[in-house]
Amino acid sequence: MLENQKNKREVDFQKLTHFPFEEPPFRLSMGLLKIPEVEWFEIFDQKERAFQMAEKRKLLASHHEDVFMADPLALMASKEALDLMLKFLPSFRPDLYSCETDTIKLKPHPEFNGEEWSTNLKTNKIHPLDLAARLVQEDLILMLPPDPKKSQKASGWWLAAGSVAFPSRWSLKRKYGLSMDIIHAPVPFYKEQLQVTVDKFFDQMPHREIYARRNWSLYDNPSLRQDGEEKNLKKLNKNITSDNAGERLWLRVERQTLRKLKETGAILFTIRIHLRQLKSIVNFEGVADRLSKALSALPPKMQAYKRTDMFADSAKAYLDQF
């Protein structure tokens, strides 16, 4: 049954493009949608998959201490997450994954040579969440429920482990070990409009169900890793005009899923990055108008947070031509 569902949905997925722009007026919301398990991970274009997997490998090799971190308290949840993925991926995409005793194979395809990983945690000397994140394009984060033994800095649901190769202007090193309210403190309107709702949802979230949400912004470069350390941001953005915005700007969509793990009660986040050059999305009917309106509706604080304030006018002038 899962294979039949996969084949049917794969046709739709090839056409899927994330344009999560809400109609004005602007409002901050969780934007959650319950999804079937077959939509847990997104594997579309294999060329894109090969590129993102290669980029993740490079970052894990050169900046492992920045990409992966895990508290000892997250070990059991990490094992549970890995076990779920080892069962799911070969069923979801048997053309790309196969499991044998103590191994999982990532099968080769154009521009991807394939890999084989030991799943014996006693001998492979790799953290289970680190291994899990190497199997997919998505970054992975584990949030644990409040722990009275933790410091006041993590008094609520807290970030206990993560493999984050492709952050969207944030740093795992700075957020690691912190609670949800502190992690989201820089987000405009979060405390007033969303904090209580998020905490309540996390507490009451049912097991076995998977939810998805999407964030978007415009970026002035297509780098997958955006850790907030960009140099000379203002200088670069001053050179973006309505004439070159299509070439110089990219729509970056962050598609997240949330799944509460049954045995440990942890919440597993997956984060998948989609990048499209601005000039490519105007070919989709109505998208240029929707994005222009969404940019106009962003309050100044949110414009500054998304870092679109210095080129939003140029982007809107470009989009309004279509």
C-alpha atoms as a PDB file:
ATOM      1  CA  MET A   1       0.000   0.000   0.000  1.00  0.00           C
ATOM      2  CA  LEU A   2       2.800   2.446   0.924  1.00  0.00           C
ATOM      3  CA  GLU A   3       4.531   1.746  -2.396  1.00  0.00           C
ATOM      4  CA  ASN A   4       1.330   2.472  -4.332  1.00  0.00           C
ATOM      5  CA  GLN A   5       0.831   5.692  -2.390  1.00  0.00           C
ATOM      6  CA  LYS A   6       4.439   6.659  -3.071  1.00  0.00           C
ATOM      7  CA  ASN A   7       4.103   6.103  -6.811  1.00  0.00           C
ATOM      8  CA  LYS A   8       0.930   8.170  -6.982  1.00  0.00           C
ATOM      9  CA  ARG A   9       2.304  10.995  -4.870  1.00  0.00           C
ATOM     10  CA  GLU A  10       5.678  11.061  -6.634  1.00  0.00           C
ATOM     11  CA  VAL A  11       3.942  12.303  -9.786  1.00  0.00           C
ATOM     12  CA  ASP A  12       2.398  15.128  -7.794  1.00  0.00           C
ATOM     13  CA  PHE A  13       5.665  15.842  -5.985  1.00  0.00           C
ATOM     14  CA  GLN A  14       7.470  16.439  -9.265  1.00  0.00           C
ATOM     15  CA  LYS A  15       5.130  19.382  -9.812  1.00  0.00           C
ATOM     16  CA  LEU A  16       5.189  20.585  -6.207  1.00  0.00           C
ATOM     17  CA  THR A  17       6.583  24.024  -5.559  1.00  0.00           C
ATOM     18  CA  HIS A  18       6.391  25.707  -2.183  1.00  0.00           C
ATOM     19  CA  PHE A  19       4.927  29.213  -2.354  1.00  0.00           C
ATOM     20  CA  PRO A  20       3.683  29.708   1.220  1.00  0.00           C
ATOM     21  CA  PHE A  21       2.632  33.353   0.919  1.00  0.00           C
ATOM     22  CA  GLU A  22      -0.424  34.314   2.933  1.00  0.00           C
ATOM     23  CA  GLU A  23      -2.809  37.013   1.866  1.00  0.00           C
ATOM     24  CA  PRO A  24      -2.541  40.326   3.759  1.00  0.00           C
ATOM     25  CA  PRO A  25      -2.870  41.383   6.474  1.00  0.00           C
ATOM     26  CA  PHE A  26       0.238  39.840   8.022  1.00  0.00           C
ATOM     27  CA  ARG A  27      -0.320  37.486  10.950  1.00  0.00           C
ATOM     28  CA  LEU A  28       2.107  35.243  12.815  1.00  0.00           C
ATOM     29  CA  SER A  29       0.880  31.671  13.126  1.00  0.00           C
ATOM     30  CA  MET A  30       2.190  28.150  13.477  1.00  0.00           C
ATOM     31  CA  GLY A  31       0.675  27.303  10.084  1.00  0.00           C
ATOM     32  CA  LEU A  32       0.576  23.588  10.810  1.00  0.00           C
ATOM     33  CA  LEU A  33      -0.973  21.031   8.485  1.00  0.00           C
ATOM     34  CA  LYS A  34      -1.325  17.361   9.401  1.00  0.00           C
ATOM     35  CA  ILE A  35       0.264  15.184   6.712  1.00  0.00           C
ATOM     36  CA  PRO A  36       0.403  11.440   5.958  1.00  0.00           C
ATOM     37  CA  GLU A  37       3.615   9.605   6.710  1.00  0.00           C
ATOM     38  CA  VAL A  38       4.410   9.270   2.997  1.00  0.00           C
ATOM     39  CA  GLU A  39       5.015  13.051   2.954  1.00  0.00           C
ATOM     40  CA  TRP A  40       7.392  12.995   5.932  1.00  0.00           C
ATOM     41  CA  PHE A  41      10.525  13.507   3.814  1.00  0.00           C
ATOM     42  CA  GLU A  42      10.744  15.270   0.475  1.00  0.00           C
ATOM     43  CA  ILE A  43      12.767  13.638  -2.289  1.00  0.00           C
ATOM     44  CA  PHE A  44      12.048  15.262  -5.624  1.00  0.00           C
ATOM     45  CA  ASP A  45      14.727  16.182  -8.134  1.00  0.00           C
ATOM     46  CA  GLN A  46      17.612  13.713  -7.901  1.00  0.00           C
ATOM     47  CA  LYS A  47      20.119  16.260  -9.186  1.00  0.00           C
ATOM     48  CA  GLU A  48      19.147  18.571  -6.330  1.00  0.00           C
ATOM     49  CA  ARG A  49      19.351  15.640  -3.927  1.00  0.00           C
ATOM     50  CA  ALA A  50      22.875  14.806  -5.073  1.00  0.00           C
ATOM     51  CA  PHE A  51      23.963  18.421  -4.663  1.00  0.00           C
ATOM     52  CA  GLN A  52      22.469  18.883  -1.204  1.00  0.00           C
ATOM     53  CA  MET A  53      23.807  15.561   0.054  1.00  0.00           C
ATOM     54  CA  ALA A  54      27.284  16.460  -1.219  1.00  0.00           C
ATOM     55  CA  GLU A  55      27.126  19.869   0.468  1.00  0.00           C
ATOM     56  CA  LYS A  56      26.057  18.249   3.723  1.00  0.00           C
ATOM     57  CA  ARG A  57      28.987  15.815   3.517  1.00  0.00           C
ATOM     58  CA  LYS A  58      31.448  18.667   3.012  1.00  0.00           C
ATOM     59  CA  LEU A  59      30.120  20.596   5.997  1.00  0.00           C
ATOM     60  CA  LEU A  60      30.094  17.558   8.263  1.00  0.00           C
ATOM     61  CA  ALA A  61      33.695  16.863   7.287  1.00  0.00           C
ATOM     62  CA  SER A  62      34.963  20.420   7.723  1.00  0.00           C
ATOM     63  CA  HIS A  63      32.678  21.884  10.434  1.00  0.00           C
ATOM     64  CA  HIS A  64      31.286  18.896  12.291  1.00  0.00           C
ATOM     65  CA  GLU A  65      31.433  20.626  15.656  1.00  0.00           C
ATOM     66  CA  ASP A  66      29.212  23.415  14.301  1.00  0.00           C
ATOM     67  CA  VAL A  67      26.809  21.191  12.368  1.00  0.00           C
ATOM     68  CA  PHE A  68      26.151  18.461  14.939  1.00  0.00           C
ATOM     69  CA  MET A  69      25.575  18.661  18.695  1.00  0.00           C
ATOM     70  CA  ALA A  70      23.794  16.351  21.127  1.00  0.00           C
ATOM     71  CA  ASP A  71      23.136  16.326  24.853  1.00  0.00           C
ATOM     72  CA  PRO A  72      23.533  12.872  26.473  1.00  0.00           C
ATOM     73  CA  LEU A  73      19.875  13.147  27.531  1.00  0.00           C
ATOM     74  CA  ALA A  74      18.893  13.007  23.838  1.00  0.00           C
ATOM     75  CA  LEU A  75      20.532   9.639  23.140  1.00  0.00           C
ATOM     76  CA  MET A  76      17.434   7.477  23.509  1.00  0.00           C
ATOM     77  CA  ALA A  77      15.326   9.861  21.430  1.00  0.00           C
ATOM     78  CA  SER A  78      18.055   9.884  18.778  1.00  0.00           C
ATOM     79  CA  LYS A  79      17.982   6.082  18.618  1.00  0.00           C
ATOM     80  CA  GLU A  80      14.203   6.137  18.312  1.00  0.00           C
ATOM     81  CA  ALA A  81      14.352   8.676  15.486  1.00  0.00           C
ATOM     82  CA  LEU A  82      16.975   6.643  13.627  1.00  0.00           C
ATOM     83  CA  ASP A  83      14.963   3.433  13.998  1.00  0.00           C
ATOM     84  CA  LEU A  84      11.869   5.122  12.552  1.00  0.00           C
ATOM     85  CA  MET A  85      13.814   6.396   9.563  1.00  0.00           C
ATOM     86  CA  LEU A  86      15.521   3.044   8.933  1.00  0.00           C
ATOM     87  CA  LYS A  87      12.090   1.417   8.701  1.00  0.00           C
ATOM     88  CA  PHE A  88      10.469   4.200   6.693  1.00  0.00           C
ATOM     89  CA  LEU A  89      13.000   5.185   4.026  1.00  0.00           C
ATOM     90  CA  PRO A  90      13.416   1.779   2.300  1.00  0.00           C
ATOM     91  CA  SER A  91       9.609   1.418   2.201  1.00  0.00           C
ATOM     92  CA  PHE A  92       9.090   4.975   0.957  1.00  0.00           C
ATOM     93  CA  ARG A  93      11.846   4.961  -1.686  1.00  0.00           C
ATOM     94  CA  PRO A  94      13.109   1.419  -2.329  1.00  0.00           C
ATOM     95  CA  ASP A  95      14.763   2.794  -5.467  1.00  0.00           C
ATOM     96  CA  LEU A  96      17.061   4.871  -3.257  1.00  0.00           C
ATOM     97  CA  TYR A  97      17.360   2.918   0.028  1.00  0.00           C
ATOM     98  CA  SER A  98      17.743  -0.683   1.145  1.00  0.00           C
ATOM     99  CA  CYS A  99      18.393  -2.164   4.568  1.00  0.00           C
ATOM    100  CA  GLU A 100      20.217  -5.351   5.408  1.00  0.00           C
ATOM    101  CA  THR A 101      21.483  -6.702   8.708  1.00  0.00           C
ATOM    102  CA  ASP A 102      23.282  -3.825  10.434  1.00  0.00           C
ATOM    103  CA  THR A 103      23.558  -1.724   7.256  1.00  0.00           C
ATOM    104  CA  ILE A 104      21.609   0.767   5.203  1.00  0.00           C
ATOM    105  CA  LYS A 105      22.499   1.453   1.582  1.00  0.00           C
ATOM    106  CA  LEU A 106      21.909   4.741  -0.206  1.00  0.00           C
ATOM    107  CA  LYS A 107      21.758   3.579  -3.797  1.00  0.00           C
ATOM    108  CA  PRO A 108      23.622   5.464  -6.531  1.00  0.00           C
ATOM    109  CA  HIS A 109      21.923   7.639  -9.111  1.00  0.00           C
ATOM    110  CA  PRO A 110      23.218  10.286 -11.555  1.00  0.00           C
ATOM    111  CA  GLU A 111      25.733  12.557  -9.762  1.00  0.00           C
ATOM    112  CA  PHE A 112      25.407  10.534  -6.531  1.00  0.00           C
ATOM    113  CA  ASN A 113      27.797   7.642  -5.995  1.00  0.00           C
ATOM    114  CA  GLY A 114      25.829   5.934  -3.272  1.00  0.00           C
ATOM    115  CA  GLU A 115      26.867   5.082   0.290  1.00  0.00           C
ATOM    116  CA  GLU A 116      26.629   2.293   2.794  1.00  0.00           C
ATOM    117  CA  TRP A 117      26.412   2.906   6.532  1.00  0.00           C
ATOM    118  CA  SER A 118      26.635   0.534   9.464  1.00  0.00           C
ATOM    119  CA  THR A 119      23.580   0.774  11.708  1.00  0.00           C
ATOM    120  CA  ASN A 120      25.210  -1.149  14.548  1.00  0.00           C
ATOM    121  CA  LEU A 121      25.443   1.587  17.153  1.00  0.00           C
ATOM    122  CA  LYS A 122      27.792  -0.493  19.280  1.00  0.00           C
ATOM    123  CA  THR A 123      30.503  -0.586  16.628  1.00  0.00           C
ATOM    124  CA  ASN A 124      29.954   2.234  14.128  1.00  0.00           C
ATOM    125  CA  LYS A 125      31.127   5.006  16.481  1.00  0.00           C
ATOM    126  CA  ILE A 126      28.610   7.533  15.152  1.00  0.00           C
ATOM    127  CA  HIS A 127      25.813   9.194  17.085  1.00  0.00           C
ATOM    128  CA  PRO A 128      22.400   7.891  15.955  1.00  0.00           C
ATOM    129  CA  LEU A 129      21.054  11.357  15.126  1.00  0.00           C
ATOM    130  CA  ASP A 130      24.224  12.205  13.205  1.00  0.00           C
ATOM    131  CA  LEU A 131      23.727   9.017  11.177  1.00  0.00           C
ATOM    132  CA  ALA A 132      20.012   9.687  10.658  1.00  0.00           C
ATOM    133  CA  ALA A 133      20.692  13.137   9.211  1.00  0.00           C
ATOM    134  CA  ARG A 134      23.226  11.719   6.744  1.00  0.00           C
ATOM    135  CA  LEU A 135      20.484   9.621   5.145  1.00  0.00           C
ATOM    136  CA  VAL A 136      18.342  12.538   3.923  1.00  0.00           C
ATOM    137  CA  GLN A 137      18.522  16.089   2.616  1.00  0.00           C
ATOM    138  CA  GLU A 138      16.702  17.375   5.686  1.00  0.00           C
ATOM    139  CA  ASP A 139      18.374  18.755   8.786  1.00  0.00           C
ATOM    140  CA  LEU A 140      17.165  17.151  12.025  1.00  0.00           C
ATOM    141  CA  ILE A 141      16.490  18.626  15.459  1.00  0.00           C
ATOM    142  CA  LEU A 142      15.297  16.967  18.663  1.00  0.00           C
ATOM    143  CA  MET A 143      13.345  18.927  21.273  1.00  0.00           C
ATOM    144  CA  LEU A 144      12.954  17.379  24.722  1.00  0.00           C
ATOM    145  CA  PRO A 145      10.206  18.197  27.223  1.00  0.00           C
ATOM    146  CA  PRO A 146      10.916  20.296  30.317  1.00  0.00           C
ATOM    147  CA  ASP A 147      13.459  18.737  32.642  1.00  0.00           C
ATOM    148  CA  PRO A 148      13.603  19.908  36.272  1.00  0.00           C
ATOM    149  CA  LYS A 149      17.298  19.005  36.333  1.00  0.00           C
ATOM    150  CA  LYS A 150      18.105  21.500  33.591  1.00  0.00           C
ATOM    151  CA  SER A 151      19.040  25.099  34.274  1.00  0.00           C
ATOM    152  CA  GLN A 152      16.559  27.956  34.115  1.00  0.00           C
ATOM    153  CA  LYS A 153      17.767  28.657  30.571  1.00  0.00           C
ATOM    154  CA  ALA A 154      15.955  25.514  29.442  1.00  0.00           C
ATOM    155  CA  SER A 155      12.858  25.506  31.629  1.00  0.00           C
ATOM    156  CA  GLY A 156      10.481  24.573  28.765  1.00  0.00           C
ATOM    157  CA  TRP A 157      10.815  22.361  25.698  1.00  0.00           C
ATOM    158  CA  TRP A 158      14.481  22.619  24.786  1.00  0.00           C
ATOM    159  CA  LEU A 159      16.819  21.908  21.899  1.00  0.00           C
ATOM    160  CA  ALA A 160      18.684  18.793  23.006  1.00  0.00           C
ATOM    161  CA  ALA A 161      20.275  17.611  19.754  1.00  0.00           C
ATOM    162  CA  GLY A 162      20.623  18.693  16.170  1.00  0.00           C
ATOM    163  CA  SER A 163      22.308  18.087  12.863  1.00  0.00           C
ATOM    164  CA  VAL A 164      21.908  21.402  11.071  1.00  0.00           C
ATOM    165  CA  ALA A 165      24.004  21.834   7.946  1.00  0.00           C
ATOM    166  CA  PHE A 166      21.717  24.380   6.290  1.00  0.00           C
ATOM    167  CA  PRO A 167      20.450  26.880   8.894  1.00  0.00           C
ATOM    168  CA  SER A 168      18.469  29.896   7.752  1.00  0.00           C
ATOM    169  CA  ARG A 169      20.356  32.718   9.461  1.00  0.00           C
ATOM    170  CA  TRP A 170      20.793  31.119  12.858  1.00  0.00           C
ATOM    171  CA  SER A 171      23.438  29.081  14.595  1.00  0.00           C
ATOM    172  CA  LEU A 172      22.966  25.680  16.231  1.00  0.00           C
ATOM    173  CA  LYS A 173      25.869  26.487  18.526  1.00  0.00           C
ATOM    174  CA  ARG A 174      24.023  29.551  19.859  1.00  0.00           C
ATOM    175  CA  LYS A 175      20.621  27.828  20.180  1.00  0.00           C
ATOM    176  CA  TYR A 176      21.787  24.474  21.520  1.00  0.00           C
ATOM    177  CA  GLY A 177      20.459  23.710  25.000  1.00  0.00           C
ATOM    178  CA  LEU A 178      18.020  26.611  25.026  1.00  0.00           C
ATOM    179  CA  SER A 179      14.259  26.524  25.464  1.00  0.00           C
ATOM    180  CA  MET A 180      11.744  27.348  22.745  1.00  0.00           C
ATOM    181  CA  ASP A 181      10.901  30.775  24.148  1.00  0.00           C
ATOM    182  CA  ILE A 182      14.562  31.825  24.251  1.00  0.00           C
ATOM    183  CA  ILE A 183      15.275  30.360  20.802  1.00  0.00           C
ATOM    184  CA  HIS A 184      12.414  32.365  19.315  1.00  0.00           C
ATOM    185  CA  ALA A 185      12.974  35.546  21.347  1.00  0.00           C
ATOM    186  CA  PRO A 186      14.370  37.408  18.268  1.00  0.00           C
ATOM    187  CA  VAL A 187      11.238  36.621  16.210  1.00  0.00           C
ATOM    188  CA  PRO A 188       8.960  39.687  16.170  1.00  0.00           C
ATOM    189  CA  PHE A 189       5.536  39.128  17.779  1.00  0.00           C
ATOM    190  CA  TYR A 190       6.417  35.568  18.867  1.00  0.00           C
ATOM    191  CA  LYS A 191       6.038  36.135  22.613  1.00  0.00           C
ATOM    192  CA  GLU A 192       2.779  38.078  22.300  1.00  0.00           C
ATOM    193  CA  GLN A 193       1.091  36.071  19.560  1.00  0.00           C
ATOM    194  CA  LEU A 194       2.505  32.551  19.486  1.00  0.00           C
ATOM    195  CA  GLN A 195       4.500  31.438  22.529  1.00  0.00           C
ATOM    196  CA  VAL A 196       1.585  30.100  24.596  1.00  0.00           C
ATOM    197  CA  THR A 197       0.077  28.368  21.546  1.00  0.00           C
ATOM    198  CA  VAL A 198       3.364  26.651  20.677  1.00  0.00           C
ATOM    199  CA  ASP A 199       4.010  25.471  24.227  1.00  0.00           C
ATOM    200  CA  LYS A 200       0.480  24.098  24.532  1.00  0.00           C
ATOM    201  CA  PHE A 201       0.692  22.333  21.172  1.00  0.00           C
ATOM    202  CA  PHE A 202       4.011  20.713  22.061  1.00  0.00           C
ATOM    203  CA  ASP A 203       2.595  19.469  25.377  1.00  0.00           C
ATOM    204  CA  GLN A 204      -0.574  18.059  23.803  1.00  0.00           C
ATOM    205  CA  MET A 205       0.783  16.925  20.442  1.00  0.00           C
ATOM    206  CA  PRO A 206      -0.348  13.346  19.763  1.00  0.00           C
ATOM    207  CA  HIS A 207       2.062  10.572  18.935  1.00  0.00           C
ATOM    208  CA  ARG A 208       2.161   9.001  15.478  1.00  0.00           C
ATOM    209  CA  GLU A 209       0.843  12.116  13.763  1.00  0.00           C
ATOM    210  CA  ILE A 210       3.087  14.293  11.596  1.00  0.00           C
ATOM    211  CA  TYR A 211       2.624  18.012  11.010  1.00  0.00           C
ATOM    212  CA  ALA A 212       4.231  20.273   8.427  1.00  0.00           C
ATOM    213  CA  ARG A 213       4.768  24.010   8.234  1.00  0.00           C
ATOM    214  CA  ARG A 214       6.692  26.378   5.940  1.00  0.00           C
ATOM    215  CA  ASN A 215       8.660  29.615   6.323  1.00  0.00           C
ATOM    216  CA  TRP A 216       9.865  31.849   3.507  1.00  0.00           C
ATOM    217  CA  SER A 217      12.172  34.763   2.876  1.00  0.00           C
ATOM    218  CA  LEU A 218      14.251  36.320   0.105  1.00  0.00           C
ATOM    219  CA  TYR A 219      18.026  35.938   0.155  1.00  0.00           C
ATOM    220  CA  ASP A 220      20.739  37.693  -1.804  1.00  0.00           C
ATOM    221  CA  ASN A 221      22.781  34.521  -2.325  1.00  0.00           C
ATOM    222  CA  PRO A 222      21.976  30.828  -2.896  1.00  0.00           C
ATOM    223  CA  SER A 223      24.240  29.352  -0.219  1.00  0.00           C
ATOM    224  CA  LEU A 224      22.508  26.497   1.584  1.00  0.00           C
ATOM    225  CA  ARG A 225      24.313  27.265   4.823  1.00  0.00           C
ATOM    226  CA  GLN A 226      23.213  30.642   6.191  1.00  0.00           C
ATOM    227  CA  ASP A 227      24.533  30.765   9.756  1.00  0.00           C
ATOM    228  CA  GLY A 228      24.029  34.501  10.271  1.00  0.00           C
ATOM    229  CA  GLU A 229      27.682  35.363   9.727  1.00  0.00           C
ATOM    230  CA  GLU A 230      27.293  37.072   6.337  1.00  0.00           C
ATOM    231  CA  LYS A 231      29.735  39.905   5.745  1.00  0.00           C
ATOM    232  CA  ASN A 232      28.986  43.329   4.267  1.00  0.00           C
ATOM    233  CA  LEU A 233      25.265  42.595   4.026  1.00  0.00           C
ATOM    234  CA  LYS A 234      24.176  46.224   3.662  1.00  0.00           C
ATOM    235  CA  LYS A 235      26.767  46.970   0.998  1.00  0.00           C
ATOM    236  CA  LEU A 236      25.706  43.992  -1.111  1.00  0.00           C
ATOM    237  CA  ASN A 237      22.010  44.723  -0.821  1.00  0.00           C
ATOM    238  CA  LYS A 238      22.448  48.322  -2.010  1.00  0.00           C
ATOM    239  CA  ASN A 239      23.437  46.931  -5.396  1.00  0.00           C
ATOM    240  CA  ILE A 240      20.112  45.128  -5.860  1.00  0.00           C
ATOM    241  CA  THR A 241      17.714  47.010  -8.136  1.00  0.00           C
ATOM    242  CA  SER A 242      14.438  46.310  -9.912  1.00  0.00           C
ATOM    243  CA  ASP A 243      16.508  45.543 -13.012  1.00  0.00           C
ATOM    244  CA  ASN A 244      18.705  42.858 -11.472  1.00  0.00           C
ATOM    245  CA  ALA A 245      16.495  41.524  -8.627  1.00  0.00           C
ATOM    246  CA  GLY A 246      15.455  38.515 -10.708  1.00  0.00           C
ATOM    247  CA  GLU A 247      19.092  37.450 -10.994  1.00  0.00           C
ATOM    248  CA  ARG A 248      20.328  38.595  -7.581  1.00  0.00           C
ATOM    249  CA  LEU A 249      17.592  37.297  -5.279  1.00  0.00           C
ATOM    250  CA  TRP A 250      16.469  33.792  -4.314  1.00  0.00           C
ATOM    251  CA  LEU A 251      13.266  32.607  -2.699  1.00  0.00           C
ATOM    252  CA  ARG A 252      14.253  30.386   0.212  1.00  0.00           C
ATOM    253  CA  VAL A 253      11.517  28.192   1.659  1.00  0.00           C
ATOM    254  CA  GLU A 254      12.091  26.180   4.817  1.00  0.00           C
ATOM    255  CA  ARG A 255       9.724  23.220   5.019  1.00  0.00           C
ATOM    256  CA  GLN A 256       9.557  21.723   8.508  1.00  0.00           C
ATOM    257  CA  THR A 257       7.859  18.633   9.869  1.00  0.00           C
ATOM    258  CA  LEU A 258       7.149  17.851  13.512  1.00  0.00           C
ATOM    259  CA  ARG A 259       6.670  14.356  14.899  1.00  0.00           C
ATOM    260  CA  LYS A 260       6.375  13.391  18.571  1.00  0.00           C
ATOM    261  CA  LEU A 261       8.211  10.139  19.256  1.00  0.00           C
ATOM    262  CA  LYS A 262       6.117   7.535  21.020  1.00  0.00           C
ATOM    263  CA  GLU A 263       8.701   5.952  23.333  1.00  0.00           C
ATOM    264  CA  THR A 264      10.662   8.984  24.518  1.00  0.00           C
ATOM    265  CA  GLY A 265       8.117  11.794  24.057  1.00  0.00           C
ATOM    266  CA  ALA A 266      10.693  13.916  22.223  1.00  0.00           C
ATOM    267  CA  ILE A 267       9.688  15.964  19.179  1.00  0.00           C
ATOM    268  CA  LEU A 268      11.662  15.392  15.992  1.00  0.00           C
ATOM    269  CA  PHE A 269      11.897  18.340  13.603  1.00  0.00           C
ATOM    270  CA  THR A 270      12.939  17.878   9.990  1.00  0.00           C
ATOM    271  CA  ILE A 271      13.971  20.964   8.017  1.00  0.00           C
ATOM    272  CA  ARG A 272      14.191  20.873   4.226  1.00  0.00           C
ATOM    273  CA  ILE A 273      15.496  23.840   2.219  1.00  0.00           C
ATOM    274  CA  HIS A 274      14.046  24.767  -1.176  1.00  0.00           C
ATOM    275  CA  LEU A 275      15.792  27.468  -3.225  1.00  0.00           C
ATOM    276  CA  ARG A 276      14.538  29.138  -6.391  1.00  0.00           C
ATOM    277  CA  GLN A 277      15.984  32.129  -8.188  1.00  0.00           C
ATOM    278  CA  LEU A 278      13.460  34.962  -8.212  1.00  0.00           C
ATOM    279  CA  LYS A 279      13.371  35.101 -12.001  1.00  0.00           C
ATOM    280  CA  SER A 280      12.249  31.456 -12.132  1.00  0.00           C
ATOM    281  CA  ILE A 281       9.213  31.776  -9.864  1.00  0.00           C
ATOM    282  CA  VAL A 282       7.563  34.583 -11.843  1.00  0.00           C
ATOM    283  CA  ASN A 283       6.750  31.984 -14.494  1.00  0.00           C
ATOM    284  CA  PHE A 284       4.188  30.416 -12.152  1.00  0.00           C
ATOM    285  CA  GLU A 285       0.745  31.950 -12.555  1.00  0.00           C
ATOM    286  CA  GLY A 286      -0.126  34.475  -9.858  1.00  0.00           C
ATOM    287  CA  VAL A 287       3.012  33.910  -7.787  1.00  0.00           C
ATOM    288  CA  ALA A 288       4.687  37.249  -8.553  1.00  0.00           C
ATOM    289  CA  ASP A 289       1.576  39.137  -7.419  1.00  0.00           C
ATOM    290  CA  ARG A 290       1.194  37.023  -4.275  1.00  0.00           C
ATOM    291  CA  LEU A 291       4.833  37.491  -3.267  1.00  0.00           C
ATOM    292  CA  SER A 292       4.710  41.245  -3.929  1.00  0.00           C
ATOM    293  CA  LYS A 293       1.633  41.563  -1.711  1.00  0.00           C
ATOM    294  CA  ALA A 294       3.216  39.419   0.988  1.00  0.00           C
ATOM    295  CA  LEU A 295       6.325  41.625   1.006  1.00  0.00           C
ATOM    296  CA  SER A 296       4.179  44.746   1.260  1.00  0.00           C
ATOM    297  CA  ALA A 297       2.246  43.257   4.177  1.00  0.00           C
ATOM    298  CA  LEU A 298       5.320  42.503   6.302  1.00  0.00           C
ATOM    299  CA  PRO A 299       5.547  44.874   9.288  1.00  0.00           C
ATOM    300  CA  PRO A 300       8.848  46.786   9.550  1.00  0.00           C
ATOM    301  CA  LYS A 301      10.040  44.591  12.433  1.00  0.00           C
ATOM    302  CA  MET A 302       9.478  41.447  10.388  1.00  0.00           C
ATOM    303  CA  GLN A 303      11.122  43.001   7.328  1.00  0.00           C
ATOM    304  CA  ALA A 304      14.195  43.682   9.447  1.00  0.00           C
ATOM    305  CA  TYR A 305      14.114  40.176  10.957  1.00  0.00           C
ATOM    306  CA  LYS A 306      13.906  38.562   7.515  1.00  0.00           C
ATOM    307  CA  ARG A 307      16.589  41.011   6.291  1.00  0.00           C
ATOM    308  CA  THR A 308      14.445  41.966   3.307  1.00  0.00           C
ATOM    309  CA  ASP A 309      14.095  45.614   4.348  1.00  0.00           C
ATOM    310  CA  MET A 310      17.055  46.820   2.254  1.00  0.00           C
ATOM    311  CA  PHE A 311      15.891  45.302  -1.029  1.00  0.00           C
ATOM    312  CA  ALA A 312      12.120  44.754  -0.596  1.00  0.00           C
ATOM    313  CA  ASP A 313      11.255  47.800  -2.728  1.00  0.00           C
ATOM    314  CA  SER A 314      13.475  46.587  -5.556  1.00  0.00           C
ATOM    315  CA  ALA A 315      12.027  43.087  -5.310  1.00  0.00           C
ATOM    316  CA  LYS A 316       8.448  44.391  -5.393  1.00  0.00           C
ATOM    317  CA  ALA A 317       9.192  46.647  -8.364  1.00  0.00           C
ATOM    318  CA  TYR A 318      10.609  43.662 -10.198  1.00  0.00           C
ATOM    319  CA  LEU A 319       7.666  41.388  -9.295  1.00  0.00           C
ATOM    320  CA  ASP A 320       5.080  44.024 -10.238  1.00  0.00           C
ATOM    321  CA  GLN A 321       6.231  43.827 -13.862  1.00  0.00           C
ATOM    322  CA  PHE A 322       4.618  40.394 -14.188  1.00  0.00           C
END
